[in-house]
């Protein structure tokens, strides 16, 4: 039980009083809602914030592995590049048969070529299935390549 000012006369009244003993006004103190909703919402907010922080701290996009689209990358040897994602997927299908793989890449109609190692490129897009779209500075055409060809870990 606490003493609160009466809403009418301002004198101290018990917060449980039904009538002010000084001025006679009914319900002199605004009743306090003790349902606990405030605590429930506060606790829920803390839990949601903790989950969000945990997700951010364990995300695979941490600064040590995250690759920005603007960060230049250096190409590695032994990979094919293609002008379309569909051609890149075809190269992967043929990779088990070395001869068919090389014949496909050697065909100009495939839009593919062997990637030269040591080129500086930027990533333009992260495709589905482990591919990235790269562009060499000054070149008009983008190419698709396996993400491992440029050291992307995401």
N, C-alpha and C. Protein backbone atom coordinates (compact mmCIF):
# COMPACT_ATOMS: atom_id res chain seq x y z
N UNK A 1 0.84 -1.16 0.00
CA UNK A 1 0.00 0.00 0.00
C UNK A 1 0.90 1.24 0.00
N UNK A 2 0.60 2.16 -0.91
CA UNK A 2 1.38 3.38 -1.02
C UNK A 2 0.45 4.58 -0.98
N UNK A 3 0.99 5.71 -0.54
CA UNK A 3 0.21 6.94 -0.52
C UNK A 3 0.45 7.72 -1.80
N UNK A 4 -0.65 8.14 -2.43
CA UNK A 4 -0.59 8.87 -3.69
C UNK A 4 -1.44 10.13 -3.56
N UNK A 5 -1.17 11.16 -4.36
CA UNK A 5 -2.00 12.36 -4.30
C UNK A 5 -3.38 12.11 -4.92
N UNK A 6 -4.39 12.65 -4.28
CA UNK A 6 -5.77 12.55 -4.78
C UNK A 6 -5.86 13.34 -6.08
N UNK A 7 -6.57 12.82 -7.05
CA UNK A 7 -6.68 13.49 -8.35
C UNK A 7 -7.54 14.75 -8.26
N UNK A 8 -8.31 14.89 -7.18
CA UNK A 8 -9.18 16.07 -7.02
C UNK A 8 -8.56 17.14 -6.12
N UNK A 9 -8.22 16.73 -4.87
CA UNK A 9 -7.73 17.73 -3.91
C UNK A 9 -6.21 17.74 -3.76
N UNK A 10 -5.54 16.69 -4.21
CA UNK A 10 -4.09 16.64 -4.17
C UNK A 10 -3.51 16.15 -2.86
N UNK A 11 -4.34 15.88 -1.84
CA UNK A 11 -3.83 15.40 -0.55
C UNK A 11 -3.52 13.91 -0.67
N UNK A 12 -2.65 13.44 0.20
CA UNK A 12 -2.23 12.04 0.14
C UNK A 12 -3.34 11.10 0.55
N UNK A 13 -3.51 10.05 -0.30
CA UNK A 13 -4.56 9.06 -0.09
C UNK A 13 -3.95 7.69 -0.39
N UNK A 14 -4.44 6.67 0.30
CA UNK A 14 -3.98 5.32 0.02
C UNK A 14 -4.36 4.95 -1.42
N UNK A 15 -3.46 4.24 -2.08
CA UNK A 15 -3.77 3.84 -3.45
C UNK A 15 -4.86 2.76 -3.50
N UNK A 16 -5.25 2.23 -2.34
CA UNK A 16 -6.32 1.24 -2.28
C UNK A 16 -7.66 1.86 -1.91
N UNK A 17 -7.69 3.16 -1.56
CA UNK A 17 -8.92 3.84 -1.11
C UNK A 17 -9.94 3.93 -2.25
N UNK A 18 -11.22 3.69 -1.89
CA UNK A 18 -12.32 3.81 -2.86
C UNK A 18 -12.83 5.25 -2.92
N UNK A 19 -12.67 5.99 -1.78
CA UNK A 19 -13.15 7.37 -1.68
C UNK A 19 -12.07 8.16 -0.93
N UNK A 20 -11.84 9.39 -1.37
CA UNK A 20 -10.88 10.27 -0.70
C UNK A 20 -11.47 10.71 0.65
N UNK A 21 -10.74 10.51 1.77
CA UNK A 21 -11.27 10.91 3.08
C UNK A 21 -11.29 12.43 3.26
N UNK A 22 -10.61 13.18 2.40
CA UNK A 22 -10.52 14.63 2.52
C UNK A 22 -11.61 15.35 1.72
N UNK A 23 -11.83 14.92 0.47
CA UNK A 23 -12.79 15.63 -0.39
C UNK A 23 -13.98 14.78 -0.82
N UNK A 24 -13.93 13.45 -0.60
CA UNK A 24 -15.04 12.58 -0.91
C UNK A 24 -15.13 12.10 -2.35
N UNK A 25 -14.19 12.43 -3.21
CA UNK A 25 -14.23 11.98 -4.60
C UNK A 25 -14.02 10.46 -4.67
N UNK A 26 -14.80 9.81 -5.54
CA UNK A 26 -14.65 8.37 -5.71
C UNK A 26 -13.40 8.06 -6.54
N UNK A 27 -12.76 6.96 -6.20
CA UNK A 27 -11.53 6.51 -6.86
C UNK A 27 -10.54 7.67 -7.01
N UNK A 28 -10.03 8.17 -5.89
CA UNK A 28 -9.15 9.34 -5.91
C UNK A 28 -7.79 9.09 -6.57
N UNK A 29 -7.37 7.87 -6.59
CA UNK A 29 -6.06 7.53 -7.19
C UNK A 29 -6.31 6.63 -8.39
N UNK A 30 -5.68 6.97 -9.49
CA UNK A 30 -5.82 6.13 -10.69
C UNK A 30 -5.28 4.75 -10.38
N UNK A 31 -6.11 3.72 -10.60
CA UNK A 31 -5.66 2.36 -10.28
C UNK A 31 -4.46 1.97 -11.15
N UNK A 32 -3.52 1.26 -10.54
CA UNK A 32 -2.35 0.77 -11.24
C UNK A 32 -2.66 -0.61 -11.79
N UNK A 33 -2.38 -0.81 -13.05
CA UNK A 33 -2.60 -2.11 -13.67
C UNK A 33 -1.43 -3.01 -13.33
N UNK A 34 -1.65 -4.00 -12.51
CA UNK A 34 -0.58 -4.91 -12.10
C UNK A 34 -0.65 -6.22 -12.84
N UNK A 35 -1.12 -6.18 -14.08
CA UNK A 35 -1.26 -7.43 -14.83
C UNK A 35 0.08 -7.99 -15.28
N UNK A 36 1.13 -7.19 -15.27
CA UNK A 36 2.46 -7.70 -15.64
C UNK A 36 2.76 -7.64 -17.12
N UNK A 37 1.88 -7.04 -17.92
CA UNK A 37 2.13 -6.97 -19.37
C UNK A 37 3.42 -6.23 -19.70
N UNK A 38 3.72 -5.20 -18.94
CA UNK A 38 4.95 -4.45 -19.19
C UNK A 38 6.17 -5.33 -19.04
N UNK A 39 6.18 -6.16 -18.00
CA UNK A 39 7.30 -7.07 -17.79
C UNK A 39 7.39 -8.11 -18.90
N UNK A 40 6.24 -8.60 -19.33
CA UNK A 40 6.22 -9.60 -20.39
C UNK A 40 6.82 -9.02 -21.68
N UNK A 41 6.38 -7.79 -22.04
CA UNK A 41 6.89 -7.17 -23.25
C UNK A 41 8.36 -6.82 -23.13
N UNK A 42 8.79 -6.37 -21.96
CA UNK A 42 10.20 -6.05 -21.76
C UNK A 42 11.06 -7.31 -21.88
N UNK A 43 10.60 -8.40 -21.26
CA UNK A 43 11.34 -9.66 -21.33
C UNK A 43 11.39 -10.16 -22.77
N UNK A 44 10.27 -10.07 -23.46
CA UNK A 44 10.24 -10.50 -24.86
C UNK A 44 11.21 -9.67 -25.70
N UNK A 45 11.25 -8.37 -25.46
CA UNK A 45 12.17 -7.50 -26.19
C UNK A 45 13.62 -7.87 -25.95
N UNK A 46 13.96 -8.19 -24.70
CA UNK A 46 15.33 -8.60 -24.37
C UNK A 46 15.68 -9.91 -25.06
N UNK A 47 14.75 -10.87 -25.06
CA UNK A 47 14.99 -12.16 -25.71
C UNK A 47 15.21 -11.98 -27.21
N UNK A 48 14.37 -11.18 -27.85
CA UNK A 48 14.51 -10.95 -29.30
C UNK A 48 15.85 -10.28 -29.59
N UNK A 49 16.23 -9.30 -28.79
CA UNK A 49 17.52 -8.62 -28.99
C UNK A 49 18.68 -9.59 -28.82
N UNK A 50 18.60 -10.47 -27.84
CA UNK A 50 19.67 -11.45 -27.60
C UNK A 50 19.78 -12.42 -28.77
N UNK A 51 18.64 -12.86 -29.30
CA UNK A 51 18.67 -13.77 -30.45
C UNK A 51 19.28 -13.07 -31.66
N UNK A 52 18.89 -11.82 -31.89
CA UNK A 52 19.43 -11.07 -33.03
C UNK A 52 20.93 -10.87 -32.89
N UNK A 53 21.39 -10.57 -31.69
CA UNK A 53 22.83 -10.39 -31.47
C UNK A 53 23.57 -11.71 -31.68
N UNK A 54 23.00 -12.79 -31.21
CA UNK A 54 23.62 -14.10 -31.39
C UNK A 54 23.73 -14.47 -32.86
N UNK A 55 22.68 -14.17 -33.62
CA UNK A 55 22.69 -14.44 -35.05
C UNK A 55 23.79 -13.64 -35.74
N UNK A 56 23.87 -12.37 -35.41
CA UNK A 56 24.88 -11.50 -36.03
C UNK A 56 26.29 -11.95 -35.69
N UNK A 57 26.49 -12.44 -34.48
CA UNK A 57 27.83 -12.83 -34.06
C UNK A 57 28.25 -14.16 -34.65
N UNK A 58 27.29 -15.04 -34.98
CA UNK A 58 27.64 -16.36 -35.51
C UNK A 58 27.38 -16.47 -37.00
N UNK A 59 26.97 -15.38 -37.63
CA UNK A 59 26.67 -15.40 -39.05
C UNK A 59 27.92 -15.71 -39.86
N UNK A 60 27.75 -16.41 -40.99
CA UNK A 60 28.88 -16.71 -41.87
C UNK A 60 29.36 -15.48 -42.60
N UNK A 61 28.63 -14.38 -42.48
CA UNK A 61 29.04 -13.14 -43.12
C UNK A 61 29.83 -12.26 -42.16
N UNK A 62 30.61 -12.90 -41.27
CA UNK A 62 31.43 -12.12 -40.35
C UNK A 62 32.49 -11.38 -41.15
N UNK A 63 33.06 -10.32 -40.61
CA UNK A 63 34.04 -9.54 -41.36
C UNK A 63 35.21 -10.35 -41.89
N UNK A 64 35.57 -11.46 -41.23
CA UNK A 64 36.72 -12.23 -41.69
C UNK A 64 36.42 -13.04 -42.95
N UNK A 65 35.13 -13.38 -43.20
CA UNK A 65 34.80 -14.17 -44.38
C UNK A 65 33.92 -13.44 -45.37
N UNK A 66 33.36 -12.32 -44.97
CA UNK A 66 32.46 -11.60 -45.85
C UNK A 66 33.22 -11.01 -47.02
N UNK A 67 32.66 -11.11 -48.20
CA UNK A 67 33.29 -10.57 -49.38
C UNK A 67 32.43 -9.45 -49.93
N UNK A 68 32.94 -8.26 -49.93
CA UNK A 68 32.21 -7.13 -50.46
C UNK A 68 32.23 -7.18 -51.97
N UNK A 69 31.15 -6.67 -52.58
CA UNK A 69 31.10 -6.64 -54.04
C UNK A 69 32.19 -5.75 -54.62
N UNK A 70 32.64 -4.77 -53.86
CA UNK A 70 33.63 -3.83 -54.37
C UNK A 70 35.07 -4.26 -54.11
N UNK A 71 35.29 -5.24 -53.25
CA UNK A 71 36.65 -5.67 -52.96
C UNK A 71 37.25 -6.38 -54.17
N UNK A 72 38.41 -5.94 -54.64
CA UNK A 72 39.03 -6.64 -55.78
C UNK A 72 39.50 -8.03 -55.36
N UNK A 73 39.39 -8.96 -56.27
CA UNK A 73 39.81 -10.35 -56.04
C UNK A 73 40.84 -10.72 -57.09
N UNK A 74 41.64 -11.73 -56.78
CA UNK A 74 42.63 -12.23 -57.73
C UNK A 74 42.20 -13.63 -58.15
N UNK A 75 42.19 -13.87 -59.46
CA UNK A 75 41.73 -15.16 -59.98
C UNK A 75 42.78 -16.24 -59.74
N UNK A 76 42.30 -17.47 -59.66
CA UNK A 76 43.15 -18.65 -59.48
C UNK A 76 43.13 -19.46 -60.76
N UNK A 77 44.11 -20.32 -60.93
CA UNK A 77 44.18 -21.13 -62.14
C UNK A 77 43.31 -22.38 -62.03
N UNK A 78 43.02 -22.96 -63.19
CA UNK A 78 42.29 -24.22 -63.24
C UNK A 78 40.79 -24.10 -63.26
N UNK A 79 40.25 -22.93 -63.54
CA UNK A 79 38.82 -22.73 -63.57
C UNK A 79 38.37 -22.20 -64.93
N UNK A 80 37.12 -22.49 -65.27
CA UNK A 80 36.52 -21.97 -66.49
C UNK A 80 35.67 -20.75 -66.15
N UNK A 81 35.56 -19.83 -67.11
CA UNK A 81 34.65 -18.70 -66.99
C UNK A 81 33.70 -18.75 -68.16
N UNK A 82 32.46 -18.30 -67.95
CA UNK A 82 31.45 -18.32 -69.00
C UNK A 82 30.64 -17.04 -68.98
N UNK A 83 30.11 -16.66 -70.14
CA UNK A 83 29.33 -15.43 -70.23
C UNK A 83 27.93 -15.58 -69.64
N UNK A 84 27.42 -16.80 -69.56
CA UNK A 84 26.09 -17.02 -68.99
C UNK A 84 26.17 -18.04 -67.86
N UNK A 85 25.25 -17.94 -66.93
CA UNK A 85 25.20 -18.88 -65.82
C UNK A 85 24.84 -20.28 -66.33
N UNK A 86 24.01 -20.35 -67.35
CA UNK A 86 23.64 -21.66 -67.92
C UNK A 86 24.87 -22.36 -68.50
N UNK A 87 25.73 -21.62 -69.21
CA UNK A 87 26.96 -22.20 -69.74
C UNK A 87 27.87 -22.66 -68.62
N UNK A 88 27.92 -21.88 -67.55
CA UNK A 88 28.76 -22.25 -66.40
C UNK A 88 28.28 -23.55 -65.79
N UNK A 89 26.96 -23.71 -65.67
CA UNK A 89 26.40 -24.95 -65.12
C UNK A 89 26.72 -26.14 -66.03
N UNK A 90 26.72 -25.92 -67.33
CA UNK A 90 27.06 -26.98 -68.29
C UNK A 90 28.52 -27.39 -68.13
N UNK A 91 29.40 -26.44 -67.91
CA UNK A 91 30.82 -26.73 -67.70
C UNK A 91 30.97 -27.63 -66.47
N UNK A 92 30.23 -27.32 -65.40
CA UNK A 92 30.31 -28.12 -64.19
C UNK A 92 29.82 -29.55 -64.46
N UNK A 93 28.75 -29.68 -65.25
CA UNK A 93 28.25 -31.01 -65.61
C UNK A 93 29.31 -31.83 -66.35
N UNK A 94 30.07 -31.16 -67.21
CA UNK A 94 31.07 -31.84 -68.03
C UNK A 94 32.41 -32.03 -67.33
N UNK A 95 32.57 -31.48 -66.16
CA UNK A 95 33.87 -31.49 -65.49
C UNK A 95 34.41 -32.89 -65.21
N UNK A 96 33.54 -33.88 -65.09
CA UNK A 96 34.00 -35.25 -64.82
C UNK A 96 34.67 -35.87 -66.04
N UNK A 97 34.27 -35.43 -67.21
CA UNK A 97 34.87 -35.94 -68.45
C UNK A 97 35.80 -34.85 -68.99
N UNK A 98 37.08 -34.96 -68.67
CA UNK A 98 38.06 -33.90 -68.99
C UNK A 98 38.04 -33.55 -70.47
N UNK A 99 37.93 -34.54 -71.34
CA UNK A 99 37.94 -34.28 -72.79
C UNK A 99 36.72 -33.46 -73.21
N UNK A 100 35.52 -33.88 -72.76
CA UNK A 100 34.30 -33.16 -73.10
C UNK A 100 34.33 -31.75 -72.52
N UNK A 101 34.89 -31.63 -71.33
CA UNK A 101 35.02 -30.33 -70.66
C UNK A 101 35.88 -29.39 -71.51
N UNK A 102 37.05 -29.85 -71.92
CA UNK A 102 37.96 -29.00 -72.71
C UNK A 102 37.39 -28.68 -74.09
N UNK A 103 36.72 -29.66 -74.73
CA UNK A 103 36.10 -29.40 -76.03
C UNK A 103 35.00 -28.35 -75.92
N UNK A 104 34.22 -28.42 -74.87
CA UNK A 104 33.14 -27.44 -74.67
C UNK A 104 33.72 -26.05 -74.48
N UNK A 105 34.73 -25.94 -73.65
CA UNK A 105 35.35 -24.64 -73.38
C UNK A 105 36.02 -24.09 -74.64
N UNK A 106 36.62 -24.96 -75.44
CA UNK A 106 37.33 -24.53 -76.65
C UNK A 106 36.37 -24.06 -77.74
N UNK A 107 35.10 -24.45 -77.67
CA UNK A 107 34.11 -24.06 -78.67
C UNK A 107 33.68 -22.61 -78.41
N UNK A 108 33.95 -21.68 -79.36
CA UNK A 108 33.58 -20.28 -79.15
C UNK A 108 32.08 -20.08 -78.91
N UNK A 109 31.25 -20.97 -79.44
CA UNK A 109 29.80 -20.83 -79.27
C UNK A 109 29.38 -21.07 -77.81
N UNK A 110 30.21 -21.72 -77.02
CA UNK A 110 29.85 -21.99 -75.62
C UNK A 110 29.90 -20.72 -74.78
N UNK A 111 30.69 -19.75 -75.21
CA UNK A 111 30.84 -18.52 -74.42
C UNK A 111 31.72 -18.72 -73.20
N UNK A 112 32.53 -19.78 -73.21
CA UNK A 112 33.39 -20.09 -72.07
C UNK A 112 34.86 -20.07 -72.48
N UNK A 113 35.71 -19.96 -71.48
CA UNK A 113 37.16 -19.99 -71.69
C UNK A 113 37.81 -20.40 -70.39
N UNK A 114 39.09 -20.74 -70.45
CA UNK A 114 39.82 -21.02 -69.22
C UNK A 114 40.20 -19.70 -68.57
N UNK A 115 40.05 -19.64 -67.29
CA UNK A 115 40.34 -18.43 -66.52
C UNK A 115 41.84 -18.27 -66.37
N UNK A 116 42.33 -17.09 -66.69
CA UNK A 116 43.76 -16.81 -66.51
C UNK A 116 44.02 -16.51 -65.04
N UNK A 117 45.05 -17.12 -64.46
CA UNK A 117 45.34 -16.84 -63.05
C UNK A 117 45.98 -15.47 -62.87
N UNK A 118 45.76 -14.87 -61.71
CA UNK A 118 46.41 -13.61 -61.38
C UNK A 118 45.71 -12.36 -61.86
N UNK A 119 44.53 -12.49 -62.47
CA UNK A 119 43.79 -11.30 -62.92
C UNK A 119 43.10 -10.66 -61.72
N UNK A 120 43.04 -9.35 -61.72
CA UNK A 120 42.30 -8.64 -60.69
C UNK A 120 40.89 -8.39 -61.21
N UNK A 121 39.90 -8.85 -60.44
CA UNK A 121 38.51 -8.72 -60.85
C UNK A 121 37.68 -8.21 -59.68
N UNK A 122 36.49 -7.72 -59.98
CA UNK A 122 35.53 -7.37 -58.95
C UNK A 122 34.30 -8.27 -59.13
N UNK A 123 33.63 -8.53 -58.02
CA UNK A 123 32.44 -9.38 -58.05
C UNK A 123 31.23 -8.49 -58.25
N UNK A 124 30.40 -8.84 -59.23
CA UNK A 124 29.19 -8.07 -59.53
C UNK A 124 27.93 -8.70 -58.97
N UNK A 125 27.94 -10.03 -58.78
CA UNK A 125 26.73 -10.70 -58.34
C UNK A 125 27.09 -12.05 -57.76
N UNK A 126 26.32 -12.47 -56.74
CA UNK A 126 26.45 -13.81 -56.19
C UNK A 126 25.31 -14.64 -56.75
N UNK A 127 25.62 -15.60 -57.60
CA UNK A 127 24.59 -16.44 -58.19
C UNK A 127 24.26 -17.61 -57.29
N UNK A 128 23.24 -18.35 -57.68
CA UNK A 128 22.84 -19.55 -56.95
C UNK A 128 23.82 -20.68 -57.26
N UNK A 129 24.03 -21.56 -56.32
CA UNK A 129 24.81 -22.76 -56.56
C UNK A 129 26.31 -22.57 -56.55
N UNK A 130 26.82 -21.56 -55.88
CA UNK A 130 28.26 -21.42 -55.75
C UNK A 130 28.96 -20.71 -56.88
N UNK A 131 28.26 -19.86 -57.61
CA UNK A 131 28.86 -19.12 -58.71
C UNK A 131 28.86 -17.62 -58.40
N UNK A 132 29.83 -16.90 -58.96
CA UNK A 132 29.86 -15.45 -58.83
C UNK A 132 30.07 -14.86 -60.22
N UNK A 133 29.52 -13.67 -60.40
CA UNK A 133 29.68 -12.94 -61.65
C UNK A 133 30.81 -11.94 -61.45
N UNK A 134 31.84 -12.03 -62.29
CA UNK A 134 33.01 -11.18 -62.12
C UNK A 134 33.22 -10.29 -63.35
N UNK A 135 33.95 -9.21 -63.14
CA UNK A 135 34.32 -8.33 -64.25
C UNK A 135 35.73 -7.83 -64.00
N UNK A 136 36.52 -7.89 -65.06
CA UNK A 136 37.86 -7.33 -64.99
C UNK A 136 37.75 -5.83 -65.27
N UNK A 137 38.41 -4.98 -64.48
CA UNK A 137 38.32 -3.54 -64.72
C UNK A 137 38.66 -3.19 -66.16
N UNK A 138 37.82 -2.37 -66.77
CA UNK A 138 38.03 -1.94 -68.15
C UNK A 138 37.42 -2.86 -69.20
N UNK A 139 36.94 -4.03 -68.78
CA UNK A 139 36.33 -4.97 -69.72
C UNK A 139 34.82 -4.73 -69.78
N UNK A 140 34.23 -4.81 -70.99
CA UNK A 140 32.80 -4.55 -71.12
C UNK A 140 31.91 -5.73 -70.70
N UNK A 141 32.46 -6.94 -70.65
CA UNK A 141 31.66 -8.13 -70.42
C UNK A 141 31.93 -8.74 -69.06
N UNK A 142 30.86 -9.15 -68.38
CA UNK A 142 30.98 -9.89 -67.12
C UNK A 142 31.03 -11.37 -67.44
N UNK A 143 31.61 -12.14 -66.54
CA UNK A 143 31.73 -13.58 -66.72
C UNK A 143 31.32 -14.29 -65.44
N UNK A 144 30.79 -15.50 -65.58
CA UNK A 144 30.43 -16.33 -64.44
C UNK A 144 31.56 -17.30 -64.16
N UNK A 145 31.82 -17.54 -62.88
CA UNK A 145 32.89 -18.45 -62.48
C UNK A 145 32.52 -19.08 -61.13
N UNK A 146 33.11 -20.24 -60.84
CA UNK A 146 32.90 -20.85 -59.52
C UNK A 146 33.50 -19.91 -58.48
N UNK A 147 32.82 -19.79 -57.35
CA UNK A 147 33.28 -18.84 -56.32
C UNK A 147 34.68 -19.15 -55.83
N UNK A 148 35.07 -20.41 -55.87
CA UNK A 148 36.41 -20.79 -55.43
C UNK A 148 37.50 -20.21 -56.32
N UNK A 149 37.15 -19.89 -57.56
CA UNK A 149 38.14 -19.35 -58.52
C UNK A 149 38.63 -17.97 -58.12
N UNK A 150 37.86 -17.29 -57.27
CA UNK A 150 38.27 -15.96 -56.81
C UNK A 150 38.36 -15.89 -55.28
N UNK A 151 38.35 -17.05 -54.64
CA UNK A 151 38.53 -17.12 -53.19
C UNK A 151 37.36 -16.63 -52.36
N UNK A 152 36.15 -16.72 -52.89
CA UNK A 152 34.96 -16.31 -52.14
C UNK A 152 34.51 -17.49 -51.29
N UNK A 153 34.28 -17.23 -50.00
CA UNK A 153 33.90 -18.31 -49.09
C UNK A 153 32.44 -18.30 -48.71
N UNK A 154 31.68 -17.35 -49.17
CA UNK A 154 30.27 -17.31 -48.73
C UNK A 154 29.36 -18.00 -49.68
